[in-house]
Protein backbone atom coordinates (compact mmCIF):
# COMPACT_ATOMS: atom_id res chain seq x y z
CA MET A 1 85.98 127.84 97.82
CA PRO A 2 84.85 130.65 100.04
CA GLY A 3 86.09 130.80 103.54
CA GLY A 4 89.02 128.43 102.90
CA LYS A 5 87.20 125.37 104.22
CA ALA A 6 89.15 122.64 102.65
CA ASN A 7 92.08 120.60 103.92
CA LEU A 8 93.96 118.66 101.28
CA LYS A 9 96.82 117.77 103.56
CA ASP A 10 96.06 114.07 103.95
CA GLY A 11 94.48 113.76 100.67
CA TYR A 12 95.65 111.60 97.65
CA ALA A 13 94.57 110.55 94.25
CA ARG A 14 93.80 106.98 93.28
CA ILE A 15 92.76 105.44 89.95
CA LYS A 16 89.68 103.13 90.12
CA ASP A 17 88.31 101.68 86.88
CA GLY A 18 90.12 104.11 84.62
CA GLU A 19 88.94 107.24 86.60
CA LEU A 20 90.88 109.37 89.10
CA PHE A 21 89.44 110.00 92.49
CA LEU A 22 90.43 112.40 95.30
CA ILE A 23 90.45 110.38 98.66
CA ASN A 24 90.70 111.52 102.20
CA ALA A 25 90.56 115.27 101.56
CA HIS A 26 88.20 117.16 103.82
CA ILE A 27 85.83 119.77 102.22
CA SER A 28 83.64 121.38 104.77
CA PRO A 29 79.84 121.52 103.92
CA TYR A 30 78.39 124.70 102.46
CA ASP A 31 76.84 126.63 105.34
CA TYR A 32 73.69 127.51 103.56
CA ALA A 33 72.87 124.06 102.06
CA HIS A 34 71.35 122.68 105.26
CA GLN A 35 69.82 119.18 104.73
CA PHE A 36 71.36 118.78 101.22
CA ASN A 37 75.04 118.90 102.46
CA HIS A 38 77.54 116.21 101.58
CA ASP A 39 79.92 114.10 103.66
CA PRO A 40 83.13 116.19 104.08
CA LEU A 41 85.36 113.18 103.58
CA ARG A 42 83.68 111.53 100.65
CA GLN A 43 85.55 110.43 97.56
CA ARG A 44 85.39 112.96 94.69
CA LYS A 45 85.90 112.18 91.02
CA LEU A 46 88.55 114.33 89.35
CA LEU A 47 87.57 115.31 85.96
CA LEU A 48 90.43 114.55 83.58
CA HIS A 49 90.83 113.37 80.07
CA LYS A 50 91.90 109.87 79.61
CA SER A 51 95.28 111.08 78.30
CA GLU A 52 95.79 113.12 81.45
CA ILE A 53 94.99 110.03 83.63
CA LYS A 54 97.48 108.05 81.51
CA ASN A 55 100.03 110.72 82.02
CA PHE A 56 99.34 110.60 85.76
CA THR A 57 100.11 106.91 85.90
CA GLU A 58 103.18 107.13 83.80
CA ASN A 59 104.76 109.82 85.97
CA LYS A 60 103.81 108.07 89.21
CA GLY A 61 106.82 107.39 91.35
CA LYS A 62 109.15 109.70 89.41
CA GLY A 63 109.10 112.27 92.05
CA GLY A 64 107.08 114.75 90.22
């Protein structure tokens, strides 16, 4: 992202209905989008294969 306008410090991932979402990460609006900008704190769906989401849940809590 140009300008380094993302803050993932307080962000985390959560599974909802078999899909993985990024929550509480701040991604600043694009300066030139004007009225079509998004909410900087909105949830974002992470694009992963089902096997990757399954691996994410299996490794949860293992410190890695």
